[in-house]
Structures are given as C-alpha cells and as structure tokens.
Amino acid sequence: MEIDIDAIIHNLEQIKSRLPEQARLIAVVKADAYGHGAVATARILYQNGVDFFGVSFLDEALALRRARIRASIMLFTPLVHEYQVTKALENHITVTVTSLYDCRLVDLISRRMNVKTNVHLKVDTGLGRFGLNIDC
C-alpha cells in the first residue's frame, strides 16, 4: 500500500484549522494506523506538528518508541501485569486507568521506580462499558 503523504498533511491541516490555537491534538494510530502503517503515519504527523499519539496496545506504543518517535503516547487499553506497566513507564507512555486495581498497580510500580506517571483516568459515565465507577 502507498500512503498519500500530501493527503495526510492536508487532512491534518484541515483539522488543526478548526481547533483553538492552544488545543492539543491526539492522533490515533492504533491498529497500524487503520492499515496505513502506524510508524510511517506517525512520522509524517510528528514532522507536521502532532506531538501526541494514541494506541490500543503496549506493543503499538513500543513500536513508535523503537522508531524514535519522542511525542507523548497514550495507551487506551489498561495494563494488567507488572512487567507491562514497568515497560510502559520506562518508555514514558501514558497509561489508562479504569479500575482501583489499575490505580494501585500503577501507583505501586511508579513508587518502586521512583517516577511520576501520567495517567488517563477513564470513568464510566453510565454506558456500562468500562472505566472507574463514579461512586467508587
């Protein structure tokens, strides 16, 4: 498959033109950038001012780091194993917290590593999908 770089840049500029100047844009490149190639797409976007990417799985985030993409990366899916959280924190990846278990695990590992950690707190707003219950 060939990526139309001009189209990606054009679409990015169209989106940015509709946002307030201070807004931060997160480009979602999960699922191999929906078949466009996550690393190649992220490189194009990064070179054109995108400094935040979203992915579903840790392997996707680590692939961006291996490609030397230094932008912020948010992992949408919560991590359940200590080694996964450790790897994410070592690579400065924002993790998603959806439960008290997640909170405790990330806190434990952050303290163990003596690092401050960015987290995305997902709250269940009533759809019953997943996220922290507002009453917990």
Protein backbone atom coordinates (compact mmCIF):
# COMPACT_ATOMS: atom_id res chain seq x y z
CA MET A 1 0.00 0.00 0.00
CA GLU A 2 1.16 3.52 -0.73
CA ILE A 3 0.49 6.36 1.69
CA ASP A 4 -0.59 9.66 0.18
CA ILE A 5 1.54 11.94 2.33
CA ASP A 6 0.03 15.08 0.85
CA ALA A 7 -3.47 13.88 1.75
CA ILE A 8 -2.44 13.13 5.33
CA ILE A 9 -0.86 16.57 5.70
CA HIS A 10 -3.88 18.24 4.07
CA ASN A 11 -6.28 16.42 6.41
CA LEU A 12 -4.15 17.32 9.41
CA GLU A 13 -4.13 21.00 8.42
CA GLN A 14 -7.92 20.93 7.97
CA ILE A 15 -8.37 19.52 11.46
CA LYS A 16 -5.89 21.94 13.05
CA SER A 17 -7.57 24.91 11.36
CA ARG A 18 -10.79 24.10 13.23
CA LEU A 19 -9.19 23.84 16.67
CA PRO A 20 -8.39 26.61 19.12
CA GLU A 21 -4.71 27.54 18.92
CA GLN A 22 -3.97 26.17 22.39
CA ALA A 23 -5.72 22.83 21.74
CA ARG A 24 -3.62 19.70 21.83
CA LEU A 25 -4.37 17.16 19.12
CA ILE A 26 -4.01 13.43 19.71
CA ALA A 27 -3.60 11.37 16.55
CA VAL A 28 -4.92 7.84 16.96
CA VAL A 29 -2.65 5.39 15.16
CA LYS A 30 -3.97 2.17 16.69
CA ALA A 31 -4.46 -0.92 14.52
CA ASP A 32 -1.42 0.01 12.41
CA ALA A 33 -2.96 3.45 11.79
CA TYR A 34 -6.04 1.68 10.44
CA GLY A 35 -3.93 -0.09 7.83
CA HIS A 36 -1.82 2.90 6.80
CA GLY A 37 1.25 1.90 8.80
CA ALA A 38 1.48 3.31 12.31
CA VAL A 39 5.16 4.20 12.29
CA ALA A 40 5.13 5.80 8.83
CA THR A 41 1.93 7.72 9.57
CA ALA A 42 3.13 8.85 13.00
CA ARG A 43 6.41 10.08 11.50
CA ILE A 44 4.54 12.19 8.93
CA LEU A 45 2.21 13.60 11.58
CA TYR A 46 5.05 14.24 14.04
CA GLN A 47 7.04 16.11 11.39
CA ASN A 48 3.95 18.26 10.84
CA GLY A 49 3.36 19.26 14.43
CA VAL A 50 1.46 16.40 16.07
CA ASP A 51 3.03 15.75 19.45
CA PHE A 52 0.58 13.23 20.92
CA PHE A 53 -0.41 9.77 19.70
CA GLY A 54 -2.96 7.21 20.88
CA VAL A 55 -2.68 3.44 20.56
CA SER A 56 -4.59 0.45 21.89
CA PHE A 57 -1.82 -1.92 22.87
CA LEU A 58 1.58 -1.68 24.52
CA ASP A 59 3.30 -3.30 21.53
CA GLU A 60 1.99 -0.48 19.33
CA ALA A 61 3.37 2.15 21.70
CA LEU A 62 6.73 0.41 21.92
CA ALA A 63 6.94 0.22 18.11
CA LEU A 64 6.61 4.01 18.00
CA ARG A 65 9.34 4.36 20.62
CA ARG A 66 11.63 1.97 18.72
CA ALA A 67 11.08 4.21 15.68
CA ARG A 68 12.39 7.09 17.82
CA ILE A 69 9.09 8.93 17.96
CA ARG A 70 9.51 11.09 21.06
CA ALA A 71 5.98 12.50 21.17
CA SER A 72 3.59 11.74 24.00
CA ILE A 73 1.87 8.37 23.62
CA MET A 74 -1.34 7.35 25.36
CA LEU A 75 -2.23 3.71 25.75
CA PHE A 76 -6.02 3.29 25.61
CA THR A 77 -6.18 -0.26 27.00
CA PRO A 78 -5.39 -0.80 30.69
CA LEU A 79 -2.39 -2.93 31.60
CA VAL A 80 -2.84 -5.83 34.00
CA HIS A 81 0.67 -7.16 34.56
CA GLU A 82 3.52 -5.53 36.47
CA TYR A 83 6.01 -6.10 33.65
CA GLN A 84 3.69 -4.29 31.20
CA VAL A 85 3.28 -1.27 33.46
CA THR A 86 7.03 -1.21 34.10
CA LYS A 87 7.74 -1.28 30.35
CA ALA A 88 5.22 1.49 29.71
CA LEU A 89 6.66 3.71 32.43
CA GLU A 90 10.23 3.06 31.29
CA ASN A 91 9.18 4.34 27.86
CA HIS A 92 7.24 7.38 29.13
CA ILE A 93 3.89 6.10 27.90
CA THR A 94 0.69 7.47 29.44
CA VAL A 95 -1.32 4.53 30.78
CA THR A 96 -5.08 4.29 31.08
CA VAL A 97 -6.56 3.55 34.50
CA THR A 98 -10.03 2.01 34.54
CA SER A 99 -10.28 0.44 37.99
CA LEU A 100 -8.96 0.63 41.53
CA TYR A 101 -6.75 -2.35 40.66
CA ASP A 102 -5.20 -0.32 37.83
CA CYS A 103 -4.70 2.67 40.14
CA ARG A 104 -2.99 0.57 42.77
CA LEU A 105 -0.80 -1.26 40.26
CA VAL A 106 0.40 1.92 38.55
CA ASP A 107 0.96 3.60 41.91
CA LEU A 108 2.96 0.62 43.22
CA ILE A 109 5.22 0.48 40.19
CA SER A 110 5.63 4.25 39.97
CA ARG A 111 6.76 4.32 43.59
CA ARG A 112 9.05 1.34 43.06
CA MET A 113 10.64 3.09 40.06
CA ASN A 114 10.57 6.47 41.82
CA VAL A 115 8.93 8.18 38.84
CA LYS A 116 5.99 10.48 38.33
CA THR A 117 3.49 8.93 35.98
CA ASN A 118 0.95 10.43 33.61
CA VAL A 119 -2.30 8.51 33.62
CA HIS A 120 -5.51 8.77 31.65
CA LEU A 121 -8.38 8.20 34.06
CA LYS A 122 -11.29 6.53 32.29
CA VAL A 123 -14.58 6.99 34.09
CA ASP A 124 -17.74 5.01 33.32
CA THR A 125 -20.22 7.79 32.62
CA GLY A 126 -23.19 5.43 32.51
CA LEU A 127 -22.72 3.35 29.39
CA GLY A 128 -21.50 0.39 31.45
CA ARG A 129 -18.64 -0.31 29.05
CA PHE A 130 -15.56 0.08 31.19
CA GLY A 131 -13.97 2.63 33.43
CA LEU A 132 -13.99 3.63 37.06
CA ASN A 133 -17.42 3.75 38.60
CA ILE A 134 -18.15 7.33 39.61
CA ASP A 135 -19.27 6.07 43.05
CA CYS A 136 -16.05 4.22 43.94
